[in-house]
PDB file of all heavy atoms in Angstrom:
ATOM      1  N   LEU A   1      94.122  -4.589-110.809  1.00  0.00           N
ATOM      2  CA  LEU A   1      92.749  -5.003-110.504  1.00  0.00           C
ATOM      3  C   LEU A   1      91.847  -3.791-110.301  1.00  0.00           C
ATOM      4  O   LEU A   1      90.747  -3.711-110.861  1.00  0.00           O
ATOM      5  CB  LEU A   1      92.751  -5.889-109.256  1.00  0.00           C
ATOM      6  CG  LEU A   1      91.405  -6.357-108.703  1.00  0.00           C
ATOM      7  CD1 LEU A   1      90.595  -7.059-109.770  1.00  0.00           C
ATOM      8  CD2 LEU A   1      91.618  -7.267-107.504  1.00  0.00           C
ATOM      9  N   ARG A   2      92.318  -2.827-109.525  1.00  0.00           N
ATOM     10  CA  ARG A   2      91.519  -1.616-109.303  1.00  0.00           C
ATOM     11  C   ARG A   2      91.302  -0.874-110.624  1.00  0.00           C
ATOM     12  O   ARG A   2      90.202  -0.392-110.921  1.00  0.00           O
ATOM     13  CB  ARG A   2      92.216  -0.717-108.293  1.00  0.00           C
ATOM     14  CG  ARG A   2      91.516   0.618-108.076  1.00  0.00           C
ATOM     15  CD  ARG A   2      92.126   1.379-106.912  1.00  0.00           C
ATOM     16  NE  ARG A   2      91.659   2.748-106.879  1.00  0.00           N
ATOM     17  CZ  ARG A   2      92.410   3.818-107.139  1.00  0.00           C
ATOM     18  NH1 ARG A   2      93.697   3.668-107.424  1.00  0.00           N
ATOM     19  NH2 ARG A   2      91.903   5.035-107.089  1.00  0.00           N
ATOM     20  N   GLY A   3      92.345  -0.786-111.435  1.00  0.00           N
ATOM     21  CA  GLY A   3      92.217  -0.119-112.723  1.00  0.00           C
ATOM     22  C   GLY A   3      91.207  -0.793-113.626  1.00  0.00           C
ATOM     23  O   GLY A   3      90.467  -0.124-114.365  1.00  0.00           O
ATOM     24  N   ALA A   4      91.135  -2.132-113.557  1.00  0.00           N
ATOM     25  CA  ALA A   4      90.171  -2.863-114.383  1.00  0.00           C
ATOM     26  C   ALA A   4      88.740  -2.524-113.981  1.00  0.00           C
ATOM     27  O   ALA A   4      87.851  -2.431-114.830  1.00  0.00           O
ATOM     28  CB  ALA A   4      90.418  -4.365-114.264  1.00  0.00           C
ATOM     29  N   LEU A   5      88.507  -2.317-112.691  1.00  0.00           N
ATOM     30  CA  LEU A   5      87.167  -1.938-112.241  1.00  0.00           C
ATOM     31  C   LEU A   5      86.826  -0.526-112.694  1.00  0.00           C
ATOM     32  O   LEU A   5      85.746  -0.270-113.232  1.00  0.00           O
ATOM     33  CB  LEU A   5      87.075  -2.037-110.719  1.00  0.00           C
ATOM     34  CG  LEU A   5      85.735  -1.607-110.117  1.00  0.00           C
ATOM     35  CD1 LEU A   5      84.621  -2.559-110.531  1.00  0.00           C
ATOM     36  CD2 LEU A   5      85.822  -1.511-108.602  1.00  0.00           C
ATOM     37  N   LEU A   6      87.754   0.407-112.496  1.00  0.00           N
ATOM     38  CA  LEU A   6      87.477   1.806-112.827  1.00  0.00           C
ATOM     39  C   LEU A   6      87.306   2.015-114.322  1.00  0.00           C
ATOM     40  O   LEU A   6      86.599   2.925-114.744  1.00  0.00           O
ATOM     41  CB  LEU A   6      88.604   2.689-112.277  1.00  0.00           C
ATOM     42  CG  LEU A   6      88.745   2.685-110.745  1.00  0.00           C
ATOM     43  CD1 LEU A   6      89.911   3.566-110.323  1.00  0.00           C
ATOM     44  CD2 LEU A   6      87.447   3.151-110.078  1.00  0.00           C
ATOM     45  N   SER A   7      87.956   1.167-115.134  1.00  0.00           N
ATOM     46  CA  SER A   7      87.812   1.285-116.591  1.00  0.00           C
ATOM     47  C   SER A   7      86.696   0.402-117.137  1.00  0.00           C
ATOM     48  O   SER A   7      86.562   0.250-118.351  1.00  0.00           O
ATOM     49  CB  SER A   7      89.139   0.923-117.275  1.00  0.00           C
ATOM     50  OG  SER A   7      89.503  -0.417-116.995  1.00  0.00           O
ATOM     51  N   GLU A   8      85.917  -0.194-116.241  1.00  0.00           N
ATOM     52  CA  GLU A   8      84.738  -0.992-116.582  1.00  0.00           C
ATOM     53  C   GLU A   8      85.074  -2.246-117.375  1.00  0.00           C
ATOM     54  O   GLU A   8      84.239  -2.781-118.115  1.00  0.00           O
ATOM     55  CB  GLU A   8      83.708  -0.145-117.329  1.00  0.00           C
ATOM     56  CG  GLU A   8      83.211   1.042-116.507  1.00  0.00           C
ATOM     57  CD  GLU A   8      82.137   1.842-117.212  1.00  0.00           C
ATOM     58  OE1 GLU A   8      81.889   1.583-118.410  1.00  0.00           O
ATOM     59  OE2 GLU A   8      81.540   2.714-116.567  1.00  0.00           O
ATOM     60  N   GLN A   9      86.302  -2.764-117.204  1.00  0.00           N
ATOM     61  CA  GLN A   9      86.623  -4.078-117.774  1.00  0.00           C
ATOM     62  C   GLN A   9      85.974  -5.190-116.953  1.00  0.00           C
ATOM     63  O   GLN A   9      85.724  -6.282-117.465  1.00  0.00           O
ATOM     64  CB  GLN A   9      88.133  -4.284-117.805  1.00  0.00           C
ATOM     65  CG  GLN A   9      88.887  -3.282-118.662  1.00  0.00           C
ATOM     66  CD  GLN A   9      90.388  -3.463-118.523  1.00  0.00           C
ATOM     67  OE1 GLN A   9      90.915  -4.566-118.694  1.00  0.00           O
ATOM     68  NE2 GLN A   9      91.082  -2.388-118.196  1.00  0.00           N
ATOM     69  N   ILE A  10      85.758  -4.909-115.674  1.00  0.00           N
ATOM     70  CA  ILE A  10      85.095  -5.848-114.779  1.00  0.00           C
ATOM     71  C   ILE A  10      84.032  -5.096-113.988  1.00  0.00           C
ATOM     72  O   ILE A  10      84.031  -3.861-113.942  1.00  0.00           O
ATOM     73  CB  ILE A  10      86.090  -6.534-113.810  1.00  0.00           C
ATOM     74  CG1 ILE A  10      86.844  -5.487-112.975  1.00  0.00           C
ATOM     75  CG2 ILE A  10      87.054  -7.440-114.562  1.00  0.00           C
ATOM     76  CD1 ILE A  10      87.768  -6.085-111.941  1.00  0.00           C
ATOM     77  N   ASP A  11      83.126  -5.849-113.357  1.00  0.00           N
ATOM     78  CA  ASP A  11      82.014  -5.250-112.615  1.00  0.00           C
ATOM     79  C   ASP A  11      82.264  -5.208-111.114  1.00  0.00           C
ATOM     80  O   ASP A  11      81.686  -4.375-110.416  1.00  0.00           O
ATOM     81  CB  ASP A  11      80.733  -6.043-112.867  1.00  0.00           C
ATOM     82  CG  ASP A  11      80.338  -6.041-114.331  1.00  0.00           C
ATOM     83  OD1 ASP A  11      79.947  -4.974-114.824  1.00  0.00           O
ATOM     84  OD2 ASP A  11      80.435  -7.098-114.973  1.00  0.00           O
ATOM     85  N   ILE A  12      83.058  -6.147-110.596  1.00  0.00           N
ATOM     86  CA  ILE A  12      83.215  -6.317-109.149  1.00  0.00           C
ATOM     87  C   ILE A  12      84.671  -6.608-108.825  1.00  0.00           C
ATOM     88  O   ILE A  12      85.337  -7.353-109.563  1.00  0.00           O
ATOM     89  CB  ILE A  12      82.340  -7.500-108.651  1.00  0.00           C
ATOM     90  CG1 ILE A  12      80.860  -7.256-108.951  1.00  0.00           C
ATOM     91  CG2 ILE A  12      82.545  -7.768-107.163  1.00  0.00           C
ATOM     92  CD1 ILE A  12      80.000  -8.504-108.823  1.00  0.00           C
ATOM     93  N   VAL A  13      85.172  -6.041-107.719  1.00  0.00           N
ATOM     94  CA  VAL A  13      86.452  -6.493-107.160  1.00  0.00           C
ATOM     95  C   VAL A  13      86.175  -7.147-105.825  1.00  0.00           C
ATOM     96  O   VAL A  13      85.259  -6.779-105.097  1.00  0.00           O
ATOM     97  CB  VAL A  13      87.478  -5.350-106.992  1.00  0.00           C
ATOM     98  CG1 VAL A  13      87.855  -4.774-108.332  1.00  0.00           C
ATOM     99  CG2 VAL A  13      86.976  -4.272-106.054  1.00  0.00           C
ATOM    100  N   TRP A  14      87.023  -8.091-105.475  1.00  0.00           N
ATOM    101  CA  TRP A  14      86.740  -9.001-104.376  1.00  0.00           C
ATOM    102  C   TRP A  14      88.038  -9.270-103.640  1.00  0.00           C
ATOM    103  O   TRP A  14      88.778  -8.343-103.332  1.00  0.00           O
ATOM    104  CB  TRP A  14      86.071 -10.244-105.003  1.00  0.00           C
ATOM    105  CG  TRP A  14      85.649 -11.368-104.133  1.00  0.00           C
ATOM    106  CD1 TRP A  14      85.755 -12.700-104.436  1.00  0.00           C
ATOM    107  CD2 TRP A  14      85.022 -11.312-102.857  1.00  0.00           C
ATOM    108  NE1 TRP A  14      85.231 -13.458-103.428  1.00  0.00           N
ATOM    109  CE2 TRP A  14      84.773 -12.631-102.434  1.00  0.00           C
ATOM    110  CE3 TRP A  14      84.658 -10.272-102.014  1.00  0.00           C
ATOM    111  CZ2 TRP A  14      84.178 -12.933-101.215  1.00  0.00           C
ATOM    112  CZ3 TRP A  14      84.069 -10.580-100.798  1.00  0.00           C
ATOM    113  CH2 TRP A  14      83.827 -11.894-100.420  1.00  0.00           C
ATOM    114  N   HIS A  15      88.415 -10.496-103.385  1.00  0.00           N
ATOM    115  CA  HIS A  15      89.581 -10.801-102.550  1.00  0.00           C
ATOM    116  C   HIS A  15      90.841 -10.096-103.036  1.00  0.00           C
ATOM    117  O   HIS A  15      91.085  -9.971-104.225  1.00  0.00           O
ATOM    118  CB  HIS A  15      89.841 -12.309-102.527  1.00  0.00           C
ATOM    119  CG  HIS A  15      88.909 -13.056-101.634  1.00  0.00           C
ATOM    120  ND1 HIS A  15      88.715 -12.714-100.318  1.00  0.00           N
ATOM    121  CD2 HIS A  15      88.104 -14.115-101.867  1.00  0.00           C
ATOM    122  CE1 HIS A  15      87.842 -13.545 -99.783  1.00  0.00           C
ATOM    123  NE2 HIS A  15      87.451 -14.395-100.702  1.00  0.00           N
ATOM    124  N   GLY A  16      91.671  -9.690-102.082  1.00  0.00           N
ATOM    125  CA  GLY A  16      92.974  -9.138-102.405  1.00  0.00           C
ATOM    126  C   GLY A  16      93.030  -7.629-102.448  1.00  0.00           C
ATOM    127  O   GLY A  16      94.107  -7.055-102.456  1.00  0.00           O
ATOM    128  N   ILE A  17      91.864  -6.981-102.471  1.00  0.00           N
ATOM    129  CA  ILE A  17      91.890  -5.533-102.590  1.00  0.00           C
ATOM    130  C   ILE A  17      90.805  -4.851-101.770  1.00  0.00           C
ATOM    131  O   ILE A  17      90.967  -3.707-101.347  1.00  0.00           O
ATOM    132  CB  ILE A  17      91.737  -5.120-104.077  1.00  0.00           C
ATOM    133  CG1 ILE A  17      91.986  -3.621-104.262  1.00  0.00           C
ATOM    134  CG2 ILE A  17      90.385  -5.518-104.618  1.00  0.00           C
ATOM    135  CD1 ILE A  17      92.005  -3.193-105.713  1.00  0.00           C
ATOM    136  N   ALA A  18      89.710  -5.534-101.488  1.00  0.00           N
ATOM    137  CA  ALA A  18      88.518  -4.832-101.021  1.00  0.00           C
ATOM    138  C   ALA A  18      88.537  -4.448 -99.553  1.00  0.00           C
ATOM    139  O   ALA A  18      87.734  -3.640 -99.122  1.00  0.00           O
ATOM    140  CB  ALA A  18      87.276  -5.678-101.311  1.00  0.00           C
ATOM    141  N   ASN A  19      89.432  -5.007 -98.741  1.00  0.00           N
ATOM    142  CA  ASN A  19      89.492  -4.586 -97.351  1.00  0.00           C
ATOM    143  C   ASN A  19      90.299  -3.297 -97.222  1.00  0.00           C
ATOM    144  O   ASN A  19      91.243  -3.052 -97.971  1.00  0.00           O
ATOM    145  CB  ASN A  19      90.084  -5.691 -96.486  1.00  0.00           C
ATOM    146  CG  ASN A  19      89.112  -6.858 -96.352  1.00  0.00           C
ATOM    147  OD1 ASN A  19      87.960  -6.666 -96.006  1.00  0.00           O
ATOM    148  ND2 ASN A  19      89.576  -8.049 -96.654  1.00  0.00           N
ATOM    149  N   ALA A  20      89.932  -2.493 -96.259  1.00  0.00           N
ATOM    150  CA  ALA A  20      90.462  -1.132 -96.178  1.00  0.00           C
ATOM    151  C   ALA A  20      91.854  -1.047 -95.564  1.00  0.00           C
ATOM    152  O   ALA A  20      92.350   0.044 -95.334  1.00  0.00           O
ATOM    153  CB  ALA A  20      89.502  -0.266 -95.377  1.00  0.00           C
ATOM    154  N   ASN A  21      92.509  -2.204 -95.298  1.00  0.00           N
ATOM    155  CA  ASN A  21      93.826  -2.134 -94.678  1.00  0.00           C
ATOM    156  C   ASN A  21      94.953  -2.213 -95.694  1.00  0.00           C
ATOM    157  O   ASN A  21      96.061  -2.593 -95.387  1.00  0.00           O
ATOM    158  CB  ASN A  21      93.990  -3.230 -93.609  1.00  0.00           C
ATOM    159  CG  ASN A  21      93.783  -4.625 -94.176  1.00  0.00           C
ATOM    160  OD1 ASN A  21      93.584  -4.774 -95.372  1.00  0.00           O
ATOM    161  ND2 ASN A  21      93.826  -5.627 -93.320  1.00  0.00           N
ATOM    162  N   ASN A  22      94.674  -1.869 -96.956  1.00  0.00           N
ATOM    163  CA  ASN A  22      95.747  -1.680 -97.934  1.00  0.00           C
ATOM    164  C   ASN A  22      95.418  -0.453 -98.774  1.00  0.00           C
ATOM    165  O   ASN A  22      94.287   0.027 -98.791  1.00  0.00           O
ATOM    166  CB  ASN A  22      95.968  -2.928 -98.807  1.00  0.00           C
ATOM    167  CG  ASN A  22      94.736  -3.305 -99.615  1.00  0.00           C
ATOM    168  OD1 ASN A  22      94.203  -2.496-100.367  1.00  0.00           O
ATOM    169  ND2 ASN A  22      94.279  -4.549 -99.462  1.00  0.00           N
ATOM    170  N   GLU A  23      96.428   0.066 -99.449  1.00  0.00           N
ATOM    171  CA  GLU A  23      96.289   1.345-100.152  1.00  0.00           C
ATOM    172  C   GLU A  23      95.191   1.297-101.204  1.00  0.00           C
ATOM    173  O   GLU A  23      94.364   2.216-101.302  1.00  0.00           O
ATOM    174  CB  GLU A  23      97.627   1.717-100.798  1.00  0.00           C
ATOM    175  CG  GLU A  23      97.606   3.036-101.542  1.00  0.00           C
ATOM    176  CD  GLU A  23      98.961   3.388-102.160  1.00  0.00           C
ATOM    177  OE1 GLU A  23      99.945   2.673-101.889  1.00  0.00           O
ATOM    178  OE2 GLU A  23      99.020   4.378-102.917  1.00  0.00           O
ATOM    179  N   GLU A  24      95.165   0.237-102.007  1.00  0.00           N
ATOM    180  CA  GLU A  24      94.170   0.158-103.065  1.00  0.00           C
ATOM    181  C   GLU A  24      92.761   0.014-102.473  1.00  0.00           C
ATOM    182  O   GLU A  24      91.787   0.584-102.974  1.00  0.00           O
ATOM    183  CB  GLU A  24      94.480  -1.019-103.996  1.00  0.00           C
ATOM    184  CG  GLU A  24      95.809  -0.906-104.721  1.00  0.00           C
ATOM    185  CD  GLU A  24      95.871   0.274-105.672  1.00  0.00           C
ATOM    186  OE1 GLU A  24      94.802   0.769-106.075  1.00  0.00           O
ATOM    187  OE2 GLU A  24      96.975   0.703-106.016  1.00  0.00           O
ATOM    188  N   GLY A  25      92.659  -0.740-101.361  1.00  0.00           N
ATOM    189  CA  GLY A  25      91.361  -0.896-100.713  1.00  0.00           C
ATOM    190  C   GLY A  25      90.835   0.422-100.179  1.00  0.00           C
ATOM    191  O   GLY A  25      89.637   0.721-100.285  1.00  0.00           O
ATOM    192  N   ARG A  26      91.715   1.225 -99.588  1.00  0.00           N
ATOM    193  CA  ARG A  26      91.286   2.530 -99.076  1.00  0.00           C
ATOM    194  C   ARG A  26      90.859   3.447-100.212  1.00  0.00           C
ATOM    195  O   ARG A  26      89.923   4.242-100.069  1.00  0.00           O
ATOM    196  CB  ARG A  26      92.403   3.161 -98.243  1.00  0.00           C
ATOM    197  CG  ARG A  26      92.582   2.497 -96.883  1.00  0.00           C
ATOM    198  CD  ARG A  26      93.460   3.322 -95.979  1.00  0.00           C
ATOM    199  NE  ARG A  26      94.847   3.365 -96.433  1.00  0.00           N
ATOM    200  CZ  ARG A  26      95.755   2.443 -96.125  1.00  0.00           C
ATOM    201  NH1 ARG A  26      95.430   1.407 -95.365  1.00  0.00           N
ATOM    202  NH2 ARG A  26      96.994   2.549 -96.552  1.00  0.00           N
ATOM    203  N   ALA A  27      91.543   3.338-101.349  1.00  0.00           N
ATOM    204  CA  ALA A  27      91.151   4.149-102.505  1.00  0.00           C
ATOM    205  C   ALA A  27      89.759   3.752-102.995  1.00  0.00           C
ATOM    206  O   ALA A  27      88.949   4.607-103.368  1.00  0.00           O
ATOM    207  CB  ALA A  27      92.182   3.992-103.620  1.00  0.00           C
ATOM    208  N   LEU A  28      89.456   2.461-102.976  1.00  0.00           N
ATOM    209  CA  LEU A  28      88.125   2.008-103.366  1.00  0.00           C
ATOM    210  C   LEU A  28      87.068   2.541-102.401  1.00  0.00           C
ATOM    211  O   LEU A  28      86.008   3.006-102.806  1.00  0.00           O
ATOM    212  CB  LEU A  28      88.077   0.483-103.390  1.00  0.00           C
ATOM    213  CG  LEU A  28      88.819  -0.222-104.527  1.00  0.00           C
ATOM    214  CD1 LEU A  28      88.788  -1.726-104.308  1.00  0.00           C
ATOM    215  CD2 LEU A  28      88.222   0.119-105.878  1.00  0.00           C
ATOM    216  N   ALA A  29      87.382   2.462-101.097  1.00  0.00           N
ATOM    217  CA  ALA A  29      86.419   2.914-100.088  1.00  0.00           C
ATOM    218  C   ALA A  29      86.115   4.400-100.223  1.00  0.00           C
ATOM    219  O   ALA A  29      85.012   4.845 -99.904  1.00  0.00           O
ATOM    220  CB  ALA A  29      86.952   2.599 -98.697  1.00  0.00           C
ATOM    221  N   ALA A  30      87.089   5.165-100.691  1.00  0.00           N
ATOM    222  CA  ALA A  30      86.913   6.611-100.800  1.00  0.00           C
ATOM    223  C   ALA A  30      86.270   7.038-102.119  1.00  0.00           C
ATOM    224  O   ALA A  30      85.948   8.207-102.299  1.00  0.00           O
ATOM    225  CB  ALA A  30      88.271   7.302-100.647  1.00  0.00           C
ATOM    226  N   ASP A  31      86.077   6.099-103.043  1.00  0.00           N
ATOM    227  CA  ASP A  31      85.559   6.418-104.373  1.00  0.00           C
ATOM    228  C   ASP A  31      84.029   6.338-104.357  1.00  0.00           C
ATOM    229  O   ASP A  31      83.455   5.250-104.322  1.00  0.00           O
ATOM    230  CB  ASP A  31      86.129   5.434-105.396  1.00  0.00           C
ATOM    231  CG  ASP A  31      85.857   5.862-106.830  1.00  0.00           C
ATOM    232  OD1 ASP A  31      84.825   6.526-107.071  1.00  0.00           O
ATOM    233  OD2 ASP A  31      86.662   5.528-107.721  1.00  0.00           O
ATOM    234  N   ASP A  32      83.363   7.498-104.385  1.00  0.00           N
ATOM    235  CA  ASP A  32      81.911   7.491-104.258  1.00  0.00           C
ATOM    236  C   ASP A  32      81.193   7.115-105.548  1.00  0.00           C
ATOM    237  O   ASP A  32      79.958   7.102-105.605  1.00  0.00           O
ATOM    238  CB  ASP A  32      81.404   8.843-103.747  1.00  0.00           C
ATOM    239  CG  ASP A  32      81.791  10.009-104.641  1.00  0.00           C
ATOM    240  OD1 ASP A  32      82.277   9.760-105.764  1.00  0.00           O
ATOM    241  OD2 ASP A  32      81.611  11.168-104.222  1.00  0.00           O
ATOM    242  N   THR A  33      81.942   6.782-106.616  1.00  0.00           N
ATOM    243  CA  THR A  33      81.304   6.282-107.829  1.00  0.00           C
ATOM    244  C   THR A  33      81.062   4.778-107.751  1.00  0.00           C
ATOM    245  O   THR A  33      80.375   4.212-108.605  1.00  0.00           O
ATOM    246  CB  THR A  33      82.157   6.578-109.074  1.00  0.00           C
ATOM    247  OG1 THR A  33      83.365   5.806-109.022  1.00  0.00           O
ATOM    248  CG2 THR A  33      82.488   8.055-109.158  1.00  0.00           C
ATOM    249  N   LEU A  34      81.653   4.125-106.734  1.00  0.00           N
ATOM    250  CA  LEU A  34      81.546   2.674-106.596  1.00  0.00           C
ATOM    251  C   LEU A  34      80.539   2.315-105.505  1.00  0.00           C
ATOM    252  O   LEU A  34      80.284   3.094-104.590  1.00  0.00           O
ATOM    253  CB  LEU A  34      82.906   2.068-106.255  1.00  0.00           C
ATOM    254  CG  LEU A  34      84.027   2.333-107.257  1.00  0.00           C
ATOM    255  CD1 LEU A  34      85.333   1.752-106.752  1.00  0.00           C
ATOM    256  CD2 LEU A  34      83.676   1.748-108.630  1.00  0.00           C
ATOM    257  N   LYS A  35      79.973   1.114-105.617  1.00  0.00           N
ATOM    258  CA  LYS A  35      79.037   0.622-104.607  1.00  0.00           C
ATOM    259  C   LYS A  35      79.761  -0.348-103.680  1.00  0.00           C
ATOM    260  O   LYS A  35      80.373  -1.313-104.152  1.00  0.00           O
ATOM    261  CB  LYS A  35      77.854  -0.087-105.278  1.00  0.00           C
ATOM    262  CG  LYS A  35      76.971   0.829-106.097  1.00  0.00           C
ATOM    263  CD  LYS A  35      75.872   0.060-106.801  1.00  0.00           C
ATOM    264  CE  LYS A  35      74.812  -0.445-105.860  1.00  0.00           C
ATOM    265  NZ  LYS A  35      73.623  -0.981-106.585  1.00  0.00           N
ATOM    266  N   PRO A  36      79.723  -0.098-102.364  1.00  0.00           N
ATOM    267  CA  PRO A  36      80.323  -1.036-101.424  1.00  0.00           C
ATOM    268  C   PRO A  36      79.329  -2.133-101.033  1.00  0.00           C
ATOM    269  O   PRO A  36      78.120  -1.893-100.934  1.00  0.00           O
ATOM    270  CB  PRO A  36      80.648  -0.152-100.216  1.00  0.00           C
ATOM    271  CG  PRO A  36      79.594   0.909-100.252  1.00  0.00           C
ATOM    272  CD  PRO A  36      79.230   1.124-101.701  1.00  0.00           C
ATOM    273  N   TRP A  37      79.850  -3.331-100.798  1.00  0.00           N
ATOM    274  CA  TRP A  37      79.035  -4.460-100.343  1.00  0.00           C
ATOM    275  C   TRP A  37      79.792  -5.129 -99.202  1.00  0.00           C
ATOM    276  O   TRP A  37      81.010  -5.278 -99.251  1.00  0.00           O
ATOM    277  CB  TRP A  37      78.810  -5.470-101.463  1.00  0.00           C
ATOM    278  CG  TRP A  37      78.204  -4.891-102.703  1.00  0.00           C
ATOM    279  CD1 TRP A  37      78.868  -4.270-103.728  1.00  0.00           C
ATOM    280  CD2 TRP A  37      76.827  -4.877-103.066  1.00  0.00           C
ATOM    281  NE1 TRP A  37      77.987  -3.867-104.704  1.00  0.00           N
ATOM    282  CE2 TRP A  37      76.720  -4.236-104.325  1.00  0.00           C
ATOM    283  CE3 TRP A  37      75.669  -5.358-102.461  1.00  0.00           C
ATOM    284  CZ2 TRP A  37      75.513  -4.061-104.977  1.00  0.00           C
ATOM    285  CZ3 TRP A  37      74.458  -5.193-103.106  1.00  0.00           C
ATOM    286  CH2 TRP A  37      74.384  -4.549-104.356  1.00  0.00           C
TER     287      TRP A  37
END
């Protein structure tokens, strides 16, 4: 799912990854190319 966002296959990631209490979520939070909501 994270890879699909970074490769622009999708525009938004949502349930299952976006909270910061998992590894992929923390990676998203640290990526300053992405917009947090």
